[in-house]
Amino acid sequence: MLATEAVATLVGREESATVNAVADEIGIDQSGASRLVKSAVDAGYLTVTTAPSDGRRREVSVTSAGLTALRQAHAWQEEIFAELTAGWSQRRRDDFQRAMADLIARSYAIGA
């Protein structure tokens, strides 16, 4: 799921989803990302194609099965978040989610 999430995130930001970009997104080396991508391809979650503009470049995309798996994973994460924050007000939950989103956006802005 990690590689699938990374590819979906890259595509969502309108960035090229290559194995190197996946490695950067996850924070691991290229060979590790390559293995994760291969596992996700084998599971049917990702596809790898040759870029039309450069035959040496391989682009990764999420399959419909990958999108379904991501939706299921996100639903599970929401369930766990609800359990972890049981007893919190909706405002506290919203504030926490906004703060986390801000931290993530800031990490991209500073290149962390």
PDB file of N, CA and C in Angstrom:
ATOM      1  N   MET A   1       0.813  -1.200   0.000  1.00  0.00           N
ATOM      2  CA  MET A   1       0.000   0.000   0.000  1.00  0.00           C
ATOM      3  C   MET A   1       0.856   1.263   0.000  1.00  0.00           C
ATOM      4  N   LEU A   2       2.028   1.175   0.608  1.00  0.00           N
ATOM      5  CA  LEU A   2       2.873   2.364   0.720  1.00  0.00           C
ATOM      6  C   LEU A   2       3.228   2.931  -0.654  1.00  0.00           C
ATOM      7  N   ALA A   3       3.635   2.076  -1.570  1.00  0.00           N
ATOM      8  CA  ALA A   3       3.989   2.541  -2.915  1.00  0.00           C
ATOM      9  C   ALA A   3       2.760   3.061  -3.643  1.00  0.00           C
ATOM     10  N   THR A   4       1.635   2.391  -3.470  1.00  0.00           N
ATOM     11  CA  THR A   4       0.395   2.818  -4.121  1.00  0.00           C
ATOM     12  C   THR A   4      -0.025   4.187  -3.615  1.00  0.00           C
ATOM     13  N   GLU A   5       0.062   4.386  -2.316  1.00  0.00           N
ATOM     14  CA  GLU A   5      -0.257   5.693  -1.726  1.00  0.00           C
ATOM     15  C   GLU A   5       0.690   6.768  -2.249  1.00  0.00           C
ATOM     16  N   ALA A   6       1.964   6.439  -2.340  1.00  0.00           N
ATOM     17  CA  ALA A   6       2.952   7.405  -2.837  1.00  0.00           C
ATOM     18  C   ALA A   6       2.649   7.805  -4.274  1.00  0.00           C
ATOM     19  N   VAL A   7       2.338   6.839  -5.123  1.00  0.00           N
ATOM     20  CA  VAL A   7       2.027   7.144  -6.521  1.00  0.00           C
ATOM     21  C   VAL A   7       0.769   8.004  -6.601  1.00  0.00           C
ATOM     22  N   ALA A   8      -0.260   7.649  -5.861  1.00  0.00           N
ATOM     23  CA  ALA A   8      -1.501   8.432  -5.866  1.00  0.00           C
ATOM     24  C   ALA A   8      -1.238   9.865  -5.398  1.00  0.00           C
ATOM     25  N   THR A   9      -0.397  10.024  -4.403  1.00  0.00           N
ATOM     26  CA  THR A   9      -0.067  11.354  -3.890  1.00  0.00           C
ATOM     27  C   THR A   9       0.690  12.165  -4.937  1.00  0.00           C
ATOM     28  N   LEU A  10       1.677  11.550  -5.570  1.00  0.00           N
ATOM     29  CA  LEU A  10       2.441  12.241  -6.618  1.00  0.00           C
ATOM     30  C   LEU A  10       1.530  12.685  -7.752  1.00  0.00           C
ATOM     31  N   VAL A  11       0.693  11.772  -8.220  1.00  0.00           N
ATOM     32  CA  VAL A  11      -0.227  12.094  -9.310  1.00  0.00           C
ATOM     33  C   VAL A  11      -1.200  13.192  -8.874  1.00  0.00           C
ATOM     34  N   GLY A  12      -1.650  13.120  -7.625  1.00  0.00           N
ATOM     35  CA  GLY A  12      -2.549  14.148  -7.096  1.00  0.00           C
ATOM     36  C   GLY A  12      -1.916  15.530  -7.068  1.00  0.00           C
ATOM     37  N   ARG A  13      -0.603  15.574  -6.930  1.00  0.00           N
ATOM     38  CA  ARG A  13       0.129  16.846  -6.962  1.00  0.00           C
ATOM     39  C   ARG A  13       0.587  17.186  -8.373  1.00  0.00           C
ATOM     40  N   GLU A  14       0.138  16.377  -9.340  1.00  0.00           N
ATOM     41  CA  GLU A  14       0.492  16.562 -10.751  1.00  0.00           C
ATOM     42  C   GLU A  14       1.998  16.479 -10.975  1.00  0.00           C
ATOM     43  N   GLU A  15       2.638  15.555 -10.236  1.00  0.00           N
ATOM     44  CA  GLU A  15       4.057  15.286 -10.412  1.00  0.00           C
ATOM     45  C   GLU A  15       4.211  13.956 -11.126  1.00  0.00           C
ATOM     46  N   SER A  16       5.322  13.779 -11.784  1.00  0.00           N
ATOM     47  CA  SER A  16       5.599  12.532 -12.474  1.00  0.00           C
ATOM     48  C   SER A  16       5.851  11.428 -11.454  1.00  0.00           C
ATOM     49  N   ALA A  17       5.178  10.310 -11.625  1.00  0.00           N
ATOM     50  CA  ALA A  17       5.315   9.188 -10.695  1.00  0.00           C
ATOM     51  C   ALA A  17       6.291   8.175 -11.291  1.00  0.00           C
ATOM     52  N   THR A  18       7.554   8.339 -10.965  1.00  0.00           N
ATOM     53  CA  THR A  18       8.592   7.398 -11.362  1.00  0.00           C
ATOM     54  C   THR A  18       9.055   6.661 -10.110  1.00  0.00           C
ATOM     55  N   VAL A  19       9.840   5.618 -10.304  1.00  0.00           N
ATOM     56  CA  VAL A  19      10.357   4.897  -9.140  1.00  0.00           C
ATOM     57  C   VAL A  19      11.195   5.836  -8.275  1.00  0.00           C
ATOM     58  N   ASN A  20      11.999   6.687  -8.895  1.00  0.00           N
ATOM     59  CA  ASN A  20      12.801   7.638  -8.115  1.00  0.00           C
ATOM     60  C   ASN A  20      11.924   8.622  -7.340  1.00  0.00           C
ATOM     61  N   ALA A  21      10.841   9.069  -7.961  1.00  0.00           N
ATOM     62  CA  ALA A  21       9.919   9.979  -7.268  1.00  0.00           C
ATOM     63  C   ALA A  21       9.239   9.267  -6.100  1.00  0.00           C
ATOM     64  N   VAL A  22       8.885   7.993  -6.292  1.00  0.00           N
ATOM     65  CA  VAL A  22       8.295   7.204  -5.208  1.00  0.00           C
ATOM     66  C   VAL A  22       9.301   7.083  -4.066  1.00  0.00           C
ATOM     67  N   ALA A  23      10.561   6.822  -4.402  1.00  0.00           N
ATOM     68  CA  ALA A  23      11.611   6.720  -3.378  1.00  0.00           C
ATOM     69  C   ALA A  23      11.709   8.015  -2.583  1.00  0.00           C
ATOM     70  N   ASP A  24      11.715   9.146  -3.279  1.00  0.00           N
ATOM     71  CA  ASP A  24      11.785  10.442  -2.597  1.00  0.00           C
ATOM     72  C   ASP A  24      10.549  10.680  -1.726  1.00  0.00           C
ATOM     73  N   GLU A  25       9.391  10.313  -2.247  1.00  0.00           N
ATOM     74  CA  GLU A  25       8.136  10.525  -1.515  1.00  0.00           C
ATOM     75  C   GLU A  25       8.116   9.733  -0.208  1.00  0.00           C
ATOM     76  N   ILE A  26       8.610   8.498  -0.280  1.00  0.00           N
ATOM     77  CA  ILE A  26       8.590   7.629   0.893  1.00  0.00           C
ATOM     78  C   ILE A  26       9.791   7.881   1.804  1.00  0.00           C
ATOM     79  N   GLY A  27      10.883   8.359   1.214  1.00  0.00           N
ATOM     80  CA  GLY A  27      12.086   8.606   1.993  1.00  0.00           C
ATOM     81  C   GLY A  27      12.982   7.385   2.091  1.00  0.00           C
ATOM     82  N   ILE A  28      13.021   6.598   1.011  1.00  0.00           N
ATOM     83  CA  ILE A  28      13.882   5.415   0.976  1.00  0.00           C
ATOM     84  C   ILE A  28      14.735   5.459  -0.282  1.00  0.00           C
ATOM     85  N   ASP A  29      15.668   4.507  -0.400  1.00  0.00           N
ATOM     86  CA  ASP A  29      16.512   4.487  -1.596  1.00  0.00           C
ATOM     87  C   ASP A  29      15.748   3.916  -2.793  1.00  0.00           C
ATOM     88  N   GLN A  30      16.325   4.117  -3.973  1.00  0.00           N
ATOM     89  CA  GLN A  30      15.672   3.720  -5.217  1.00  0.00           C
ATOM     90  C   GLN A  30      15.436   2.222  -5.289  1.00  0.00           C
ATOM     91  N   SER A  31      16.387   1.436  -4.809  1.00  0.00           N
ATOM     92  CA  SER A  31      16.215  -0.021  -4.898  1.00  0.00           C
ATOM     93  C   SER A  31      15.072  -0.496  -4.006  1.00  0.00           C
ATOM     94  N   GLY A  32      14.927   0.097  -2.844  1.00  0.00           N
ATOM     95  CA  GLY A  32      13.809  -0.242  -1.968  1.00  0.00           C
ATOM     96  C   GLY A  32      12.479   0.147  -2.592  1.00  0.00           C
ATOM     97  N   ALA A  33      12.432   1.324  -3.190  1.00  0.00           N
ATOM     98  CA  ALA A  33      11.207   1.766  -3.857  1.00  0.00           C
ATOM     99  C   ALA A  33      10.888   0.863  -5.037  1.00  0.00           C
ATOM    100  N   SER A  34      11.909   0.443  -5.753  1.00  0.00           N
ATOM    101  CA  SER A  34      11.707  -0.453  -6.887  1.00  0.00           C
ATOM    102  C   SER A  34      11.065  -1.763  -6.437  1.00  0.00           C
ATOM    103  N   ARG A  35      11.528  -2.295  -5.318  1.00  0.00           N
ATOM    104  CA  ARG A  35      10.942  -3.535  -4.788  1.00  0.00           C
ATOM    105  C   ARG A  35       9.490  -3.316  -4.360  1.00  0.00           C
ATOM    106  N   LEU A  36       9.217  -2.184  -3.707  1.00  0.00           N
ATOM    107  CA  LEU A  36       7.843  -1.890  -3.293  1.00  0.00           C
ATOM    108  C   LEU A  36       6.922  -1.733  -4.506  1.00  0.00           C
ATOM    109  N   VAL A  37       7.400  -1.027  -5.515  1.00  0.00           N
ATOM    110  CA  VAL A  37       6.608  -0.848  -6.733  1.00  0.00           C
ATOM    111  C   VAL A  37       6.354  -2.200  -7.390  1.00  0.00           C
ATOM    112  N   LYS A  38       7.386  -3.038  -7.475  1.00  0.00           N
ATOM    113  CA  LYS A  38       7.212  -4.357  -8.080  1.00  0.00           C
ATOM    114  C   LYS A  38       6.174  -5.174  -7.320  1.00  0.00           C
ATOM    115  N   SER A  39       6.213  -5.143  -6.000  1.00  0.00           N
ATOM    116  CA  SER A  39       5.221  -5.864  -5.193  1.00  0.00           C
ATOM    117  C   SER A  39       3.811  -5.341  -5.459  1.00  0.00           C
ATOM    118  N   ALA A  40       3.671  -4.026  -5.572  1.00  0.00           N
ATOM    119  CA  ALA A  40       2.360  -3.433  -5.837  1.00  0.00           C
ATOM    120  C   ALA A  40       1.883  -3.763  -7.253  1.00  0.00           C
ATOM    121  N   VAL A  41       2.816  -3.839  -8.204  1.00  0.00           N
ATOM    122  CA  VAL A  41       2.463  -4.262  -9.561  1.00  0.00           C
ATOM    123  C   VAL A  41       1.990  -5.708  -9.530  1.00  0.00           C
ATOM    124  N   ASP A  42       2.750  -6.558  -8.831  1.00  0.00           N
ATOM    125  CA  ASP A  42       2.376  -7.976  -8.722  1.00  0.00           C
ATOM    126  C   ASP A  42       1.007  -8.155  -8.067  1.00  0.00           C
ATOM    127  N   ALA A  43       0.659  -7.266  -7.130  1.00  0.00           N
ATOM    128  CA  ALA A  43      -0.635  -7.328  -6.451  1.00  0.00           C
ATOM    129  C   ALA A  43      -1.756  -6.744  -7.304  1.00  0.00           C
ATOM    130  N   GLY A  44      -1.397  -6.085  -8.400  1.00  0.00           N
ATOM    131  CA  GLY A  44      -2.390  -5.487  -9.284  1.00  0.00           C
ATOM    132  C   GLY A  44      -2.776  -4.069  -8.936  1.00  0.00           C
ATOM    133  N   TYR A  45      -2.023  -3.437  -8.025  1.00  0.00           N
ATOM    134  CA  TYR A  45      -2.352  -2.081  -7.586  1.00  0.00           C
ATOM    135  C   TYR A  45      -1.715  -0.986  -8.438  1.00  0.00           C
ATOM    136  N   LEU A  46      -0.593  -1.294  -9.065  1.00  0.00           N
ATOM    137  CA  LEU A  46       0.119  -0.326  -9.889  1.00  0.00           C
ATOM    138  C   LEU A  46       0.448  -0.927 -11.245  1.00  0.00           C
ATOM    139  N   THR A  47       0.679  -0.051 -12.227  1.00  0.00           N
ATOM    140  CA  THR A  47       1.225  -0.464 -13.514  1.00  0.00           C
ATOM    141  C   THR A  47       2.446   0.406 -13.797  1.00  0.00           C
ATOM    142  N   VAL A  48       3.377  -0.145 -14.543  1.00  0.00           N
ATOM    143  CA  VAL A  48       4.561   0.595 -14.950  1.00  0.00           C
ATOM    144  C   VAL A  48       4.597   0.582 -16.472  1.00  0.00           C
ATOM    145  N   THR A  49       4.719   1.776 -17.054  1.00  0.00           N
ATOM    146  CA  THR A  49       4.770   1.896 -18.506  1.00  0.00           C
ATOM    147  C   THR A  49       5.964   2.752 -18.901  1.00  0.00           C
ATOM    148  N   THR A  50       6.351   2.632 -20.147  1.00  0.00           N
ATOM    149  CA  THR A  50       7.423   3.461 -20.687  1.00  0.00           C
ATOM    150  C   THR A  50       6.835   4.804 -21.082  1.00  0.00           C
ATOM    151  N   ALA A  51       7.519   5.869 -20.699  1.00  0.00           N
ATOM    152  CA  ALA A  51       7.042   7.212 -21.016  1.00  0.00           C
ATOM    153  C   ALA A  51       7.090   7.426 -22.530  1.00  0.00           C
ATOM    154  N   PRO A  52       6.037   7.981 -23.092  1.00  0.00           N
ATOM    155  CA  PRO A  52       6.026   8.204 -24.542  1.00  0.00           C
ATOM    156  C   PRO A  52       7.109   9.172 -25.016  1.00  0.00           C
ATOM    157  N   SER A  53       7.483  10.109 -24.159  1.00  0.00           N
ATOM    158  CA  SER A  53       8.470  11.115 -24.547  1.00  0.00           C
ATOM    159  C   SER A  53       9.910  10.651 -24.376  1.00  0.00           C
ATOM    160  N   ASP A  54      10.130   9.593 -23.567  1.00  0.00           N
ATOM    161  CA  ASP A  54      11.489   9.118 -23.295  1.00  0.00           C
ATOM    162  C   ASP A  54      11.428   7.627 -22.992  1.00  0.00           C
ATOM    163  N   GLY A  55      11.892   6.821 -23.926  1.00  0.00           N
ATOM    164  CA  GLY A  55      11.833   5.376 -23.796  1.00  0.00           C
ATOM    165  C   GLY A  55      12.609   4.817 -22.621  1.00  0.00           C
ATOM    166  N   ARG A  56      13.501   5.610 -22.036  1.00  0.00           N
ATOM    167  CA  ARG A  56      14.274   5.156 -20.876  1.00  0.00           C
ATOM    168  C   ARG A  56      13.534   5.394 -19.565  1.00  0.00           C
ATOM    169  N   ARG A  57      12.531   6.229 -19.623  1.00  0.00           N
ATOM    170  CA  ARG A  57      11.809   6.636 -18.409  1.00  0.00           C
ATOM    171  C   ARG A  57      10.594   5.744 -18.203  1.00  0.00           C
ATOM    172  N   ARG A  58      10.427   5.263 -16.980  1.00  0.00           N
ATOM    173  CA  ARG A  58       9.278   4.411 -16.650  1.00  0.00           C
ATOM    174  C   ARG A  58       8.369   5.165 -15.693  1.00  0.00           C
ATOM    175  N   GLU A  59       7.095   5.214 -16.063  1.00  0.00           N
ATOM    176  CA  GLU A  59       6.113   5.918 -15.248  1.00  0.00           C
ATOM    177  C   GLU A  59       5.190   4.912 -14.566  1.00  0.00           C
ATOM    178  N   VAL A  60       4.815   5.232 -13.348  1.00  0.00           N
ATOM    179  CA  VAL A  60       3.987   4.351 -12.529  1.00  0.00           C
ATOM    180  C   VAL A  60       2.610   4.986 -12.386  1.00  0.00           C
ATOM    181  N   SER A  61       1.572   4.155 -12.463  1.00  0.00           N
ATOM    182  CA  SER A  61       0.213   4.658 -12.256  1.00  0.00           C
ATOM    183  C   SER A  61      -0.579   3.666 -11.412  1.00  0.00           C
ATOM    184  N   VAL A  62      -1.640   4.175 -10.810  1.00  0.00           N
ATOM    185  CA  VAL A  62      -2.499   3.366  -9.944  1.00  0.00           C
ATOM    186  C   VAL A  62      -3.594   2.729 -10.793  1.00  0.00           C
ATOM    187  N   THR A  63      -3.825   1.450 -10.593  1.00  0.00           N
ATOM    188  CA  THR A  63      -4.895   0.733 -11.292  1.00  0.00           C
ATOM    189  C   THR A  63      -6.221   0.943 -10.575  1.00  0.00           C
ATOM    190  N   SER A  64      -7.305   0.486 -11.183  1.00  0.00           N
ATOM    191  CA  SER A  64      -8.604   0.581 -10.513  1.00  0.00           C
ATOM    192  C   SER A  64      -8.607  -0.262  -9.236  1.00  0.00           C
ATOM    193  N   ALA A  65      -7.940  -1.413  -9.262  1.00  0.00           N
ATOM    194  CA  ALA A  65      -7.829  -2.230  -8.044  1.00  0.00           C
ATOM    195  C   ALA A  65      -7.035  -1.478  -6.978  1.00  0.00           C
ATOM    196  N   GLY A  66      -6.023  -0.744  -7.388  1.00  0.00           N
ATOM    197  CA  GLY A  66      -5.239   0.059  -6.453  1.00  0.00           C
ATOM    198  C   GLY A  66      -6.064   1.170  -5.842  1.00  0.00           C
ATOM    199  N   LEU A  67      -6.894   1.816  -6.652  1.00  0.00           N
ATOM    200  CA  LEU A  67      -7.769   2.872  -6.130  1.00  0.00           C
ATOM    201  C   LEU A  67      -8.771   2.305  -5.130  1.00  0.00           C
ATOM    202  N   THR A  68      -9.297   1.127  -5.426  1.00  0.00           N
ATOM    203  CA  THR A  68     -10.222   0.478  -4.497  1.00  0.00           C
ATOM    204  C   THR A  68      -9.517   0.153  -3.185  1.00  0.00           C
ATOM    205  N   ALA A  69      -8.314  -0.395  -3.290  1.00  0.00           N
ATOM    206  CA  ALA A  69      -7.552  -0.730  -2.084  1.00  0.00           C
ATOM    207  C   ALA A  69      -7.240   0.528  -1.271  1.00  0.00           C
ATOM    208  N   LEU A  70      -6.908   1.627  -1.943  1.00  0.00           N
ATOM    209  CA  LEU A  70      -6.650   2.886  -1.234  1.00  0.00           C
ATOM    210  C   LEU A  70      -7.901   3.386  -0.523  1.00  0.00           C
ATOM    211  N   ARG A  71      -9.046   3.311  -1.196  1.00  0.00           N
ATOM    212  CA  ARG A  71     -10.298   3.737  -0.547  1.00  0.00           C
ATOM    213  C   ARG A  71     -10.559   2.907   0.702  1.00  0.00           C
ATOM    214  N   GLN A  72     -10.342   1.595   0.602  1.00  0.00           N
ATOM    215  CA  GLN A  72     -10.548   0.722   1.757  1.00  0.00           C
ATOM    216  C   GLN A  72      -9.553   1.045   2.874  1.00  0.00           C
ATOM    217  N   ALA A  73      -8.306   1.289   2.513  1.00  0.00           N
ATOM    218  CA  ALA A  73      -7.289   1.625   3.514  1.00  0.00           C
ATOM    219  C   ALA A  73      -7.627   2.945   4.198  1.00  0.00           C
ATOM    220  N   HIS A  74      -8.077   3.919   3.420  1.00  0.00           N
ATOM    221  CA  HIS A  74      -8.432   5.214   3.997  1.00  0.00           C
ATOM    222  C   HIS A  74      -9.639   5.090   4.919  1.00  0.00           C
ATOM    223  N   ALA A  75     -10.615   4.266   4.534  1.00  0.00           N
ATOM    224  CA  ALA A  75     -11.781   4.041   5.395  1.00  0.00           C
ATOM    225  C   ALA A  75     -11.349   3.406   6.713  1.00  0.00           C
ATOM    226  N   TRP A  76     -10.440   2.436   6.639  1.00  0.00           N
ATOM    227  CA  TRP A  76      -9.923   1.799   7.858  1.00  0.00           C
ATOM    228  C   TRP A  76      -9.202   2.828   8.724  1.00  0.00           C
ATOM    229  N   GLN A  77      -8.384   3.692   8.091  1.00  0.00           N
ATOM    230  CA  GLN A  77      -7.675   4.721   8.847  1.00  0.00           C
ATOM    231  C   GLN A  77      -8.655   5.665   9.542  1.00  0.00           C
ATOM    232  N   GLU A  78      -9.738   6.006   8.863  1.00  0.00           N
ATOM    233  CA  GLU A  78     -10.754   6.872   9.470  1.00  0.00           C
ATOM    234  C   GLU A  78     -11.408   6.190  10.671  1.00  0.00           C
ATOM    235  N   GLU A  79     -11.659   4.882  10.546  1.00  0.00           N
ATOM    236  CA  GLU A  79     -12.233   4.139  11.672  1.00  0.00           C
ATOM    237  C   GLU A  79     -11.289   4.156  12.876  1.00  0.00           C
ATOM    238  N   ILE A  80     -10.017   3.932  12.627  1.00  0.00           N
ATOM    239  CA  ILE A  80      -9.028   3.928  13.711  1.00  0.00           C
ATOM    240  C   ILE A  80      -8.913   5.319  14.323  1.00  0.00           C
ATOM    241  N   PHE A  81      -8.910   6.345  13.472  1.00  0.00           N
ATOM    242  CA  PHE A  81      -8.850   7.720  13.979  1.00  0.00           C
ATOM    243  C   PHE A  81     -10.052   7.992  14.887  1.00  0.00           C
ATOM    244  N   ALA A  82     -11.235   7.548  14.475  1.00  0.00           N
ATOM    245  CA  ALA A  82     -12.436   7.746  15.294  1.00  0.00           C
ATOM    246  C   ALA A  82     -12.300   7.031  16.636  1.00  0.00           C
ATOM    247  N   GLU A  83     -11.728   5.826  16.620  1.00  0.00           N
ATOM    248  CA  GLU A  83     -11.531   5.092  17.879  1.00  0.00           C
ATOM    249  C   GLU A  83     -10.510   5.800  18.778  1.00  0.00           C
ATOM    250  N   LEU A  84      -9.424   6.252  18.178  1.00  0.00           N
ATOM    251  CA  LEU A  84      -8.365   6.906  18.952  1.00  0.00           C
ATOM    252  C   LEU A  84      -8.820   8.234  19.547  1.00  0.00           C
ATOM    253  N   THR A  85      -9.749   8.879  18.872  1.00  0.00           N
ATOM    254  CA  THR A  85     -10.196  10.198  19.322  1.00  0.00           C
ATOM    255  C   THR A  85     -11.583  10.151  19.942  1.00  0.00           C
ATOM    256  N   ALA A  86     -12.008   8.960  20.330  1.00  0.00           N
ATOM    257  CA  ALA A  86     -13.315   8.828  21.002  1.00  0.00           C
ATOM    258  C   ALA A  86     -13.312   9.739  22.230  1.00  0.00           C
ATOM    259  N   GLY A  87     -14.356  10.484  22.381  1.00  0.00           N
ATOM    260  CA  GLY A  87     -14.436  11.415  23.503  1.00  0.00           C
ATOM    261  C   GLY A  87     -13.969  12.817  23.151  1.00  0.00           C
ATOM    262  N   TRP A  88     -13.328  12.973  22.008  1.00  0.00           N
ATOM    263  CA  TRP A  88     -12.926  14.311  21.574  1.00  0.00           C
ATOM    264  C   TRP A  88     -14.131  14.999  20.941  1.00  0.00           C
ATOM    265  N   SER A  89     -14.155  16.297  21.031  1.00  0.00           N
ATOM    266  CA  SER A  89     -15.186  17.053  20.320  1.00  0.00           C
ATOM    267  C   SER A  89     -14.848  17.047  18.823  1.00  0.00           C
ATOM    268  N   GLN A  90     -15.861  17.320  18.018  1.00  0.00           N
ATOM    269  CA  GLN A  90     -15.614  17.401  16.566  1.00  0.00           C
ATOM    270  C   GLN A  90     -14.627  18.526  16.263  1.00  0.00           C
ATOM    271  N   ARG A  91     -14.721  19.612  17.011  1.00  0.00           N
ATOM    272  CA  ARG A  91     -13.799  20.730  16.789  1.00  0.00           C
ATOM    273  C   ARG A  91     -12.355  20.295  17.069  1.00  0.00           C
ATOM    274  N   ARG A  92     -12.147  19.537  18.150  1.00  0.00           N
ATOM    275  CA  ARG A  92     -10.793  19.080  18.469  1.00  0.00           C
ATOM    276  C   ARG A  92     -10.263  18.155  17.375  1.00  0.00           C
ATOM    277  N   ARG A  93     -11.118  17.252  16.882  1.00  0.00           N
ATOM    278  CA  ARG A  93     -10.714  16.367  15.776  1.00  0.00           C
ATOM    279  C   ARG A  93     -10.337  17.187  14.548  1.00  0.00           C
ATOM    280  N   ASP A  94     -11.203  18.137  14.192  1.00  0.00           N
ATOM    281  CA  ASP A  94     -10.945  18.977  13.013  1.00  0.00           C
ATOM    282  C   ASP A  94      -9.660  19.776  13.172  1.00  0.00           C
ATOM    283  N   ASP A  95      -9.440  20.338  14.357  1.00  0.00           N
ATOM    284  CA  ASP A  95      -8.213  21.105  14.615  1.00  0.00           C
ATOM    285  C   ASP A  95      -6.976  20.225  14.471  1.00  0.00           C
ATOM    286  N   PHE A  96      -7.052  19.018  15.008  1.00  0.00           N
ATOM    287  CA  PHE A  96      -5.931  18.086  14.918  1.00  0.00           C
ATOM    288  C   PHE A  96      -5.650  17.719  13.457  1.00  0.00           C
ATOM    289  N   GLN A  97      -6.687  17.400  12.704  1.00  0.00           N
ATOM    290  CA  GLN A  97      -6.489  17.048  11.299  1.00  0.00           C
ATOM    291  C   GLN A  97      -5.921  18.213  10.505  1.00  0.00           C
ATOM    292  N   ARG A  98      -6.404  19.425  10.757  1.00  0.00           N
ATOM    293  CA  ARG A  98      -5.868  20.606  10.076  1.00  0.00           C
ATOM    294  C   ARG A  98      -4.399  20.818  10.421  1.00  0.00           C
ATOM    295  N   ALA A  99      -4.063  20.651  11.695  1.00  0.00           N
ATOM    296  CA  ALA A  99      -2.670  20.837  12.121  1.00  0.00           C
ATOM    297  C   ALA A  99      -1.764  19.812  11.447  1.00  0.00           C
ATOM    298  N   MET A 100      -2.199  18.564  11.376  1.00  0.00           N
ATOM    299  CA  MET A 100      -1.397  17.535  10.712  1.00  0.00           C
ATOM    300  C   MET A 100      -1.243  17.837   9.221  1.00  0.00           C
ATOM    301  N   ALA A 101      -2.327  18.259   8.578  1.00  0.00           N
ATOM    302  CA  ALA A 101      -2.257  18.610   7.155  1.00  0.00           C
ATOM    303  C   ALA A 101      -1.308  19.784   6.940  1.00  0.00           C
ATOM    304  N   ASP A 102      -1.346  20.756   7.840  1.00  0.00           N
ATOM    305  CA  ASP A 102      -0.427  21.898   7.744  1.00  0.00           C
ATOM    306  C   ASP A 102       1.028  21.453   7.879  1.00  0.00           C
ATOM    307  N   LEU A 103       1.291  20.538   8.826  1.00  0.00           N
ATOM    308  CA  LEU A 103       2.656  20.035   9.002  1.00  0.00           C
ATOM    309  C   LEU A 103       3.138  19.308   7.751  1.00  0.00           C
ATOM    310  N   ILE A 104       2.282  18.498   7.169  1.00  0.00           N
ATOM    311  CA  ILE A 104       2.661  17.774   5.965  1.00  0.00           C
ATOM    312  C   ILE A 104       2.936  18.737   4.822  1.00  0.00           C
ATOM    313  N   ALA A 105       2.052  19.698   4.627  1.00  0.00           N
ATOM    314  CA  ALA A 105       2.254  20.689   3.561  1.00  0.00           C
ATOM    315  C   ALA A 105       3.536  21.472   3.778  1.00  0.00           C
ATOM    316  N   ARG A 106       3.810  21.808   5.027  1.00  0.00           N
ATOM    317  CA  ARG A 106       5.036  22.549   5.347  1.00  0.00           C
ATOM    318  C   ARG A 106       6.279  21.708   5.076  1.00  0.00           C
ATOM    319  N   SER A 107       6.188  20.412   5.349  1.00  0.00           N
ATOM    320  CA  SER A 107       7.343  19.547   5.097  1.00  0.00           C
ATOM    321  C   SER A 107       7.682  19.516   3.614  1.00  0.00           C
ATOM    322  N   TYR A 108       6.664  19.576   2.741  1.00  0.00           N
ATOM    323  CA  TYR A 108       6.927  19.635   1.300  1.00  0.00           C
ATOM    324  C   TYR A 108       7.535  20.981   0.931  1.00  0.00           C
ATOM    325  N   ALA A 109       7.054  22.044   1.565  1.00  0.00           N
ATOM    326  CA  ALA A 109       7.538  23.381   1.250  1.00  0.00           C
ATOM    327  C   ALA A 109       9.015  23.558   1.603  1.00  0.00           C
ATOM    328  N   ILE A 110       9.456  22.909   2.690  1.00  0.00           N
ATOM    329  CA  ILE A 110      10.859  23.064   3.080  1.00  0.00           C
ATOM    330  C   ILE A 110      11.734  21.920   2.577  1.00  0.00           C
ATOM    331  N   GLY A 111      11.097  20.972   1.891  1.00  0.00           N
ATOM    332  CA  GLY A 111      11.867  19.881   1.291  1.00  0.00           C
ATOM    333  C   GLY A 111      12.304  18.820   2.280  1.00  0.00           C
ATOM    334  N   ALA A 112      11.601  18.684   3.391  1.00  0.00           N
ATOM    335  CA  ALA A 112      11.972  17.685   4.402  1.00  0.00           C
ATOM    336  C   ALA A 112      11.573  16.295   3.972  1.00  0.00           C
TER     337      ALA A 112
END
